[in-house]
Amino acid sequence: MKISQFIKGLTAIKKELGNLEVIYSSDDEGNTYHQIYFAPTGVCVSELKDYMSSDDFNETGLQKPNAIIIN
């Protein structure tokens, strides 16, 4: 998903429901939920994939971020 799609979705929800708390699920099955504490941050990742570990965030030689991490 691109950031513009994400913002569009959030904007629609805010317009309909108000300024709600944002939480995230630890997995796609919704086994646990957590609050978001950190501001979005640009990061460089070697490859975008469904499940990434800290190894995927090693120096990639990129000059600018290619993804945004939300927590």
Protein backbone atom coordinates (compact mmCIF):
# COMPACT_ATOMS: atom_id res chain seq x y z
CA MET A 1 0.00 0.00 0.00
CA LYS A 2 1.25 3.47 -0.83
CA ILE A 3 1.13 6.31 1.71
CA SER A 4 -1.49 8.22 -0.34
CA GLN A 5 -3.89 5.25 -0.13
CA PHE A 6 -3.24 4.93 3.61
CA ILE A 7 -3.89 8.63 4.23
CA LYS A 8 -7.04 8.56 2.09
CA GLY A 9 -8.42 5.70 4.19
CA LEU A 10 -7.54 7.40 7.47
CA THR A 11 -9.05 10.69 6.29
CA ALA A 12 -12.34 8.98 5.42
CA ILE A 13 -12.48 7.23 8.80
CA LYS A 14 -11.67 10.45 10.67
CA LYS A 15 -14.39 12.32 8.77
CA GLU A 16 -16.97 9.64 9.61
CA LEU A 17 -15.94 8.62 13.15
CA GLY A 18 -13.78 11.43 14.55
CA ASN A 19 -10.27 11.58 15.95
CA LEU A 20 -9.95 8.00 17.26
CA GLU A 21 -6.98 6.24 18.86
CA VAL A 22 -4.90 4.21 16.42
CA ILE A 23 -3.89 0.65 17.31
CA TYR A 24 -2.32 -2.16 15.32
CA SER A 25 -2.64 -5.94 15.26
CA SER A 26 0.43 -8.08 15.92
CA ASP A 27 -0.59 -10.39 13.07
CA ASP A 28 -3.21 -10.84 10.36
CA GLU A 29 -5.38 -13.00 12.64
CA GLY A 30 -5.75 -10.29 15.29
CA ASN A 31 -4.29 -12.33 18.14
CA THR A 32 -3.10 -9.23 20.03
CA TYR A 33 -3.42 -5.48 19.60
CA HIS A 34 -1.06 -2.68 20.60
CA GLN A 35 -1.09 1.12 20.76
CA ILE A 36 1.04 3.11 18.34
CA TYR A 37 3.60 5.17 20.24
CA PHE A 38 6.03 6.38 17.57
CA ALA A 39 5.65 8.78 14.66
CA PRO A 40 5.99 7.31 11.16
CA THR A 41 9.63 7.12 10.05
CA GLY A 42 11.24 6.74 6.64
CA VAL A 43 13.46 3.66 6.37
CA CYS A 44 15.63 1.90 3.80
CA VAL A 45 14.85 -1.76 3.34
CA SER A 46 16.61 -4.22 1.10
CA GLU A 47 13.38 -5.86 -0.08
CA LEU A 48 9.70 -5.23 0.66
CA LYS A 49 7.98 -8.44 1.75
CA ASP A 50 5.15 -9.53 4.05
CA TYR A 51 7.32 -10.44 7.04
CA MET A 52 10.58 -8.62 7.67
CA SER A 53 13.16 -8.97 10.42
CA SER A 54 15.76 -6.48 11.61
CA ASP A 55 18.17 -8.07 9.10
CA ASP A 56 16.09 -6.53 6.29
CA PHE A 57 16.88 -3.03 7.58
CA ASN A 58 20.64 -3.24 7.09
CA GLU A 59 22.47 -0.63 5.05
CA THR A 60 21.22 -0.99 1.48
CA GLY A 61 23.23 1.77 -0.21
CA LEU A 62 20.07 3.77 -0.85
CA GLN A 63 20.35 7.53 -0.55
CA LYS A 64 16.79 8.08 0.66
CA PRO A 65 14.09 5.94 2.35
CA ASN A 66 12.02 3.59 0.22
CA ALA A 67 9.40 2.75 2.86
CA ILE A 68 7.68 4.16 5.93
CA ILE A 69 7.51 2.25 9.20
CA ILE A 70 4.57 3.05 11.49
CA ASN A 71 5.72 1.48 14.76
